[in-house]
Amino acid sequence: MRPHYFYTSVTRCSDLWSEPFDTRLLKRSDWATGDFVVGRVVGERNRLYECETKTGRMADLVRGDLLVGALGKRAATLEGVGDWRATTDDLQLDALTSAGLLGRATSISPMLPELMRLEYLGHVTRQDAKLNMADFVTPSPPRPLEIPVILVIGTSMSSGKTTSAQIIIRALKYLGLDVVAAKLSGAARYRDILKFRDAGARCVVDFVDAGLPSTVCSEARFRDAFEFMSSRIAACEAQVLVAEAGASPLEPYNGAIVVEHLRDLACFTVLCASDPYAVLGVQTAYGAGLRADLVTGPAANTEAAITLVHELCGHRAMNLLDRKTYPELVALLKQALEL
């Protein structure tokens, strides 16, 4: 009988749950980013002992459970840093995200309990060949992206980007527009783009579709992935794209490449910030290369914060969670899209 596996959301573009596979121990010199591996849950359980499954639902895990994830790298400023290359001879892995991004933690926030620990049981193989996320990427014919873009960027993780994008998608649907939404950089988490779909986006795309567990990778690899995602977005033939760049463009997630590629198409740029001084920091770092049409997130939670953003940076700021701001947001989007 086949063992019961928890298939994390990085496996969602594969067929691992429907087609048989084997598990084989490989030397670390044969490991690579995106490889599918099987781990057995070990360690003392805490609130992080859960996984986001291939459907986007969360499942609680206990010691002994078997999980299928993918090797990758994370560099989160507020939570943790890790890399599969940091794995030691004990062959234990940490769940760097609940979505199945697996590696060995090298730096963890003191605000978090210990990450879920797994014992490496082997690589997922078929006919003695290991399987990688890239093996399941369906080639997409190159297509130019020509639709207007609402670009959502942030000063850090957890700065309100996904929530802001959801609200903007709803507003665009209210205006009768056909919307495609994408998360173009960051670390794998399916529920972000599922929120975009729930908000009304007809199509959703992210870097997992391009075979990446996170976008902490070489610039060349990310540019290839971006071209793939761009073509997939263009193939949706929607009227407007809401694009989120995960984390911050200044962090090692290749978000700066997203800004570079979409700058000319971006008719409206939303900067989500953790506080007013973070807005000033990003503006100083980018200079004239970054134009924010609206600042939101925690930096716009109160009237005092909104005033400080304007005094420091001259930007318009708005609390999108305040229903009273909705008419003004709709008016700004209509103006940007020339509706």
Protein backbone atom coordinates (compact mmCIF):
# COMPACT_ATOMS: atom_id res chain seq x y z
CA MET A 1 0.00 0.00 0.00
CA ARG A 2 1.25 3.47 -0.87
CA PRO A 3 2.23 5.56 2.19
CA HIS A 4 0.08 8.56 3.07
CA TYR A 5 1.88 11.73 2.04
CA PHE A 6 1.03 15.36 2.71
CA TYR A 7 1.58 17.07 -0.66
CA THR A 8 2.52 20.67 0.04
CA SER A 9 1.45 23.48 -2.26
CA VAL A 10 4.82 23.60 -4.09
CA THR A 11 3.72 20.28 -5.62
CA ARG A 12 0.48 21.69 -7.00
CA CYS A 13 1.70 21.83 -10.61
CA SER A 14 2.89 18.20 -10.54
CA ASP A 15 1.16 14.82 -10.74
CA LEU A 16 2.83 13.26 -7.71
CA TRP A 17 -0.44 12.38 -5.96
CA SER A 18 -1.93 10.68 -9.04
CA GLU A 19 1.09 8.89 -10.56
CA PRO A 20 3.42 6.48 -8.71
CA PHE A 21 6.92 7.48 -7.70
CA ASP A 22 9.85 6.07 -5.73
CA THR A 23 11.97 7.58 -2.97
CA ARG A 24 15.73 7.39 -3.25
CA LEU A 25 18.54 8.74 -1.07
CA LEU A 26 20.89 10.99 -3.05
CA LYS A 27 24.25 12.49 -2.15
CA ARG A 28 24.07 16.18 -1.32
CA SER A 29 26.24 16.89 -4.35
CA ASP A 30 23.31 15.69 -6.50
CA TRP A 31 20.72 17.97 -4.84
CA ALA A 32 19.38 21.07 -6.60
CA THR A 33 16.88 23.87 -6.05
CA GLY A 34 13.37 22.74 -6.89
CA ASP A 35 14.02 19.02 -6.32
CA PHE A 36 11.04 17.20 -4.83
CA VAL A 37 11.98 15.39 -1.61
CA VAL A 38 10.20 13.36 1.06
CA GLY A 39 10.66 14.19 4.74
CA ARG A 40 9.40 12.63 7.95
CA VAL A 41 8.23 15.10 10.61
CA VAL A 42 10.34 15.00 13.79
CA GLY A 43 10.89 17.31 16.76
CA GLU A 44 8.63 18.86 19.36
CA ARG A 45 5.34 20.07 17.91
CA ASN A 46 4.40 23.77 18.01
CA ARG A 47 2.14 26.12 16.07
CA LEU A 48 4.37 25.90 12.98
CA TYR A 49 3.80 22.16 12.62
CA GLU A 50 1.37 22.50 9.75
CA CYS A 51 1.52 22.58 5.99
CA GLU A 52 -0.32 24.28 3.17
CA THR A 53 -1.51 21.45 0.96
CA LYS A 54 -1.74 21.38 -2.84
CA THR A 55 -5.30 22.76 -2.60
CA GLY A 56 -4.28 25.69 -0.41
CA ARG A 57 -5.87 24.25 2.74
CA MET A 58 -3.86 24.08 5.96
CA ALA A 59 -3.22 20.69 7.57
CA ASP A 60 -1.88 20.04 11.06
CA LEU A 61 1.12 17.71 11.22
CA VAL A 62 2.50 15.47 13.96
CA ARG A 63 5.70 13.49 14.37
CA GLY A 64 5.91 10.63 11.89
CA ASP A 65 3.88 12.30 9.14
CA LEU A 66 5.39 12.16 5.65
CA LEU A 67 5.60 15.38 3.67
CA VAL A 68 6.52 16.04 0.03
CA GLY A 69 8.13 19.42 -0.55
CA ALA A 70 10.84 21.06 -2.66
CA LEU A 71 14.37 22.20 -1.88
CA GLY A 72 14.79 25.96 -1.93
CA LYS A 73 16.05 29.10 -0.27
CA ARG A 74 14.37 31.83 1.78
CA ALA A 75 15.64 35.22 2.96
CA ALA A 76 12.76 36.72 4.95
CA THR A 77 13.64 39.85 6.91
CA LEU A 78 10.96 39.39 9.58
CA GLU A 79 10.83 35.62 9.98
CA GLY A 80 13.72 33.47 8.86
CA VAL A 81 16.56 32.69 6.50
CA GLY A 82 17.53 29.25 5.24
CA ASP A 83 18.89 27.27 2.32
CA TRP A 84 19.03 23.61 1.36
CA ARG A 85 22.78 24.09 0.83
CA ALA A 86 23.14 24.57 4.60
CA THR A 87 22.00 20.99 5.25
CA THR A 88 24.52 19.10 7.38
CA ASP A 89 25.48 15.43 7.59
CA ASP A 90 22.49 14.68 9.83
CA LEU A 91 20.32 15.18 6.69
CA GLN A 92 17.62 17.07 8.53
CA LEU A 93 15.57 19.79 6.88
CA ASP A 94 13.43 22.67 8.12
CA ALA A 95 10.13 23.78 6.64
CA LEU A 96 11.15 27.32 5.65
CA THR A 97 7.52 28.00 4.70
CA SER A 98 4.33 26.07 5.29
CA ALA A 99 4.03 25.69 1.52
CA GLY A 100 6.79 23.05 1.46
CA LEU A 101 9.88 25.17 0.81
CA LEU A 102 12.51 22.98 2.47
CA GLY A 103 16.08 23.75 3.52
CA ARG A 104 18.09 24.27 6.69
CA ALA A 105 17.42 27.38 8.74
CA THR A 106 20.41 29.63 9.34
CA SER A 107 18.72 32.59 11.06
CA ILE A 108 15.28 32.69 12.71
CA SER A 109 13.39 35.55 14.33
CA PRO A 110 13.19 35.28 18.13
CA MET A 111 9.47 35.91 17.75
CA LEU A 112 9.02 32.47 16.15
CA PRO A 113 9.16 29.01 17.72
CA GLU A 114 11.49 26.45 16.15
CA LEU A 115 10.63 25.65 12.55
CA MET A 116 9.12 22.29 11.76
CA ARG A 117 11.98 19.80 11.46
CA LEU A 118 11.99 16.89 9.02
CA GLU A 119 14.21 13.89 8.49
CA TYR A 120 15.28 13.61 4.86
CA LEU A 121 14.05 10.26 3.52
CA GLY A 122 15.07 10.76 -0.08
CA HIS A 123 14.33 12.38 -3.40
CA VAL A 124 11.21 11.72 -5.40
CA THR A 125 12.26 9.65 -8.43
CA ARG A 126 10.88 7.87 -11.46
CA GLN A 127 12.94 5.39 -13.44
CA ASP A 128 15.93 6.27 -11.21
CA ALA A 129 15.76 9.96 -12.23
CA LYS A 130 14.98 12.61 -9.62
CA LEU A 131 11.98 14.86 -10.19
CA ASN A 132 12.22 18.65 -10.05
CA MET A 133 9.54 21.34 -10.10
CA ALA A 134 10.86 22.42 -13.50
CA ASP A 135 10.04 18.98 -14.93
CA PHE A 136 6.33 19.81 -14.70
CA VAL A 137 6.43 23.26 -16.29
CA THR A 138 4.40 23.30 -19.48
CA PRO A 139 6.16 25.47 -22.06
CA SER A 140 4.27 28.64 -22.87
CA PRO A 141 4.67 30.24 -26.31
CA PRO A 142 6.30 33.68 -25.92
CA ARG A 143 3.75 36.49 -25.96
CA PRO A 144 4.31 40.18 -25.31
CA LEU A 145 2.61 41.66 -22.27
CA GLU A 146 0.81 44.80 -23.39
CA ILE A 147 -2.02 45.42 -20.91
CA PRO A 148 -1.88 48.13 -18.21
CA VAL A 149 -0.47 47.07 -14.86
CA ILE A 150 -1.38 47.97 -11.30
CA LEU A 151 1.95 47.27 -9.59
CA VAL A 152 1.94 46.47 -5.86
CA ILE A 153 5.31 46.55 -4.10
CA GLY A 154 6.36 46.76 -0.47
CA THR A 155 9.05 47.91 1.91
CA SER A 156 9.23 44.41 3.43
CA MET A 157 7.24 41.25 3.92
CA SER A 158 3.98 41.61 5.87
CA SER A 159 3.54 45.20 4.74
CA GLY A 160 0.02 44.70 3.37
CA LYS A 161 0.68 43.89 -0.31
CA THR A 162 -1.64 40.89 -0.69
CA THR A 163 -4.47 42.59 1.20
CA SER A 164 -4.08 45.77 -0.86
CA ALA A 165 -4.03 43.78 -4.09
CA GLN A 166 -7.25 42.01 -3.07
CA ILE A 167 -9.02 45.33 -2.46
CA ILE A 168 -7.78 46.72 -5.77
CA ILE A 169 -8.95 43.63 -7.66
CA ARG A 170 -12.42 44.03 -6.16
CA ALA A 171 -12.46 47.69 -7.18
CA LEU A 172 -11.45 46.83 -10.74
CA LYS A 173 -14.16 44.18 -10.93
CA TYR A 174 -16.63 46.79 -9.65
CA LEU A 175 -15.59 48.87 -12.66
CA GLY A 176 -16.45 45.94 -14.94
CA LEU A 177 -12.89 45.01 -15.91
CA ASP A 178 -11.49 41.57 -16.70
CA VAL A 179 -8.56 41.10 -14.30
CA VAL A 180 -5.53 38.82 -14.23
CA ALA A 181 -3.46 38.80 -11.03
CA ALA A 182 0.05 37.56 -10.31
CA LYS A 183 2.54 37.20 -7.50
CA LEU A 184 5.81 37.51 -9.37
CA SER A 185 8.40 37.21 -6.60
CA GLY A 186 8.65 35.95 -3.04
CA ALA A 187 8.51 32.57 -1.30
CA ALA A 188 5.94 29.95 -2.21
CA ARG A 189 2.52 30.32 -0.60
CA TYR A 190 -0.56 29.31 -2.55
CA ARG A 191 -3.12 31.13 -0.44
CA ASP A 192 -1.90 34.53 -1.63
CA ILE A 193 -2.92 33.99 -5.25
CA LEU A 194 -6.03 32.09 -4.16
CA LYS A 195 -7.07 35.30 -2.40
CA PHE A 196 -6.61 37.10 -5.71
CA ARG A 197 -8.88 34.59 -7.42
CA ASP A 198 -11.48 34.87 -4.66
CA ALA A 199 -11.41 38.66 -5.05
CA GLY A 200 -12.41 38.31 -8.71
CA ALA A 201 -9.29 37.74 -10.82
CA ARG A 202 -10.19 35.41 -13.70
CA CYS A 203 -6.62 34.10 -14.00
CA VAL A 204 -3.85 33.89 -11.41
CA VAL A 205 -0.16 33.21 -12.00
CA ASP A 206 2.90 32.90 -9.78
CA PHE A 207 6.51 31.70 -9.83
CA VAL A 208 5.57 28.15 -8.74
CA ASP A 209 3.98 27.86 -12.20
CA ALA A 210 7.46 28.61 -13.55
CA GLY A 211 9.11 25.88 -11.46
CA LEU A 212 10.51 27.96 -8.59
CA PRO A 213 9.89 27.32 -4.86
CA SER A 214 11.03 30.89 -4.19
CA THR A 215 12.60 33.65 -6.26
CA VAL A 216 15.80 33.71 -4.21
CA CYS A 217 17.78 32.42 -7.18
CA SER A 218 20.19 33.62 -9.83
CA GLU A 219 19.19 36.62 -11.89
CA ALA A 220 19.41 34.55 -15.08
CA ARG A 221 17.08 31.87 -13.69
CA PHE A 222 14.59 34.46 -12.52
CA ARG A 223 14.58 36.30 -15.83
CA ASP A 224 13.69 33.03 -17.57
CA ALA A 225 10.91 32.46 -15.03
CA PHE A 226 9.65 36.03 -15.45
CA GLU A 227 9.42 35.64 -19.23
CA PHE A 228 7.40 32.45 -18.70
CA MET A 229 5.04 34.15 -16.24
CA SER A 230 4.71 37.18 -18.50
CA SER A 231 3.70 34.99 -21.44
CA ARG A 232 1.19 33.10 -19.28
CA ILE A 233 -0.32 36.40 -18.15
CA ALA A 234 -0.53 37.68 -21.73
CA ALA A 235 -2.24 34.45 -22.80
CA CYS A 236 -5.08 35.18 -20.35
CA GLU A 237 -6.05 38.14 -22.58
CA ALA A 238 -7.42 40.14 -19.67
CA GLN A 239 -7.84 43.91 -19.60
CA VAL A 240 -5.62 44.75 -16.64
CA LEU A 241 -2.94 43.04 -14.55
CA VAL A 242 -2.63 43.42 -10.78
CA ALA A 243 0.97 42.36 -10.08
CA GLU A 244 2.47 41.85 -6.63
CA ALA A 245 6.21 41.74 -6.10
CA GLY A 246 6.71 39.80 -2.89
CA ALA A 247 8.92 41.07 -0.05
CA SER A 248 10.73 44.28 -1.10
CA PRO A 249 12.48 45.12 -4.40
CA LEU A 250 15.61 45.74 -2.31
CA GLU A 251 15.66 42.18 -0.91
CA PRO A 252 17.25 39.16 -2.68
CA TYR A 253 13.98 37.96 -4.24
CA ASN A 254 14.65 39.59 -7.64
CA GLY A 255 11.80 42.04 -7.10
CA ALA A 256 13.91 44.76 -8.72
CA ILE A 257 13.70 42.82 -11.99
CA VAL A 258 9.90 42.79 -11.70
CA VAL A 259 9.90 46.58 -11.29
CA GLU A 260 12.34 46.93 -14.20
CA HIS A 261 10.20 44.86 -16.57
CA LEU A 262 6.83 46.34 -15.60
CA ARG A 263 7.82 49.98 -15.10
CA ASP A 264 6.69 51.11 -18.57
CA LEU A 265 3.37 49.22 -18.32
CA ALA A 266 2.60 50.32 -14.76
CA CYS A 267 -0.09 52.98 -14.86
CA PHE A 268 -0.52 52.92 -11.07
CA THR A 269 2.04 51.88 -8.45
CA VAL A 270 1.04 51.08 -4.88
CA LEU A 271 3.76 51.06 -2.20
CA CYS A 272 2.81 49.10 0.90
CA ALA A 273 4.94 50.15 3.83
CA SER A 274 5.47 49.01 7.39
CA ASP A 275 5.85 52.62 8.62
CA PRO A 276 6.37 56.14 7.19
CA TYR A 277 10.15 55.99 7.57
CA ALA A 278 10.27 52.81 5.48
CA VAL A 279 8.63 54.78 2.66
CA LEU A 280 11.42 57.33 2.89
CA GLY A 281 14.02 54.54 2.90
CA VAL A 282 12.72 52.89 -0.28
CA GLN A 283 12.30 56.26 -1.98
CA THR A 284 15.89 57.20 -1.10
CA ALA A 285 17.25 53.85 -2.30
CA TYR A 286 15.42 53.99 -5.63
CA GLY A 287 15.42 57.71 -6.24
CA ALA A 288 13.67 58.70 -9.46
CA GLY A 289 13.50 55.02 -10.49
CA LEU A 290 10.42 54.41 -8.32
CA ARG A 291 7.25 56.45 -8.46
CA ALA A 292 4.57 55.58 -5.92
CA ASP A 293 1.07 56.80 -6.77
CA LEU A 294 -0.31 55.61 -3.45
CA VAL A 295 1.14 54.51 -0.10
CA THR A 296 -0.84 52.09 2.02
CA GLY A 297 -0.36 49.32 4.57
CA PRO A 298 0.57 49.97 8.23
CA ALA A 299 2.23 53.25 7.15
CA ALA A 300 -1.27 54.58 6.52
CA ASN A 301 -3.10 53.10 9.50
CA THR A 302 -3.83 56.46 11.17
CA GLU A 303 -4.19 60.12 10.30
CA ALA A 304 -0.87 60.81 12.02
CA ALA A 305 0.89 58.21 9.87
CA ILE A 306 -0.72 59.53 6.68
CA THR A 307 0.36 63.06 7.53
CA LEU A 308 3.93 61.92 8.24
CA VAL A 309 4.16 60.05 4.91
CA HIS A 310 3.15 63.24 3.11
CA GLU A 311 5.57 65.41 5.11
CA LEU A 312 8.51 63.01 4.66
CA CYS A 313 7.96 61.96 1.05
CA GLY A 314 5.20 64.03 -0.50
CA HIS A 315 3.17 60.88 -1.29
CA ARG A 316 -0.56 60.39 -1.08
CA ALA A 317 -1.33 57.76 1.59
CA MET A 318 -4.58 55.95 2.25
CA ASN A 319 -5.85 53.26 4.61
CA LEU A 320 -7.51 50.85 2.18
CA LEU A 321 -9.04 48.89 5.05
CA ASP A 322 -11.18 51.92 5.85
CA ARG A 323 -14.33 51.58 3.78
CA LYS A 324 -14.63 55.37 3.52
CA THR A 325 -11.55 55.46 1.28
CA TYR A 326 -13.10 53.14 -1.32
CA PRO A 327 -14.67 55.85 -3.54
CA GLU A 328 -11.36 57.72 -3.66
CA LEU A 329 -9.49 54.52 -4.60
CA VAL A 330 -11.96 53.80 -7.40
CA ALA A 331 -11.56 57.36 -8.70
CA LEU A 332 -7.76 57.01 -8.71
CA LEU A 333 -7.92 53.71 -10.59
CA LYS A 334 -10.35 55.14 -13.15
CA GLN A 335 -8.02 58.06 -13.73
CA ALA A 336 -4.96 55.82 -14.04
CA LEU A 337 -6.68 53.49 -16.51
CA GLU A 338 -8.27 56.42 -18.39
CA LEU A 339 -11.74 54.95 -18.04
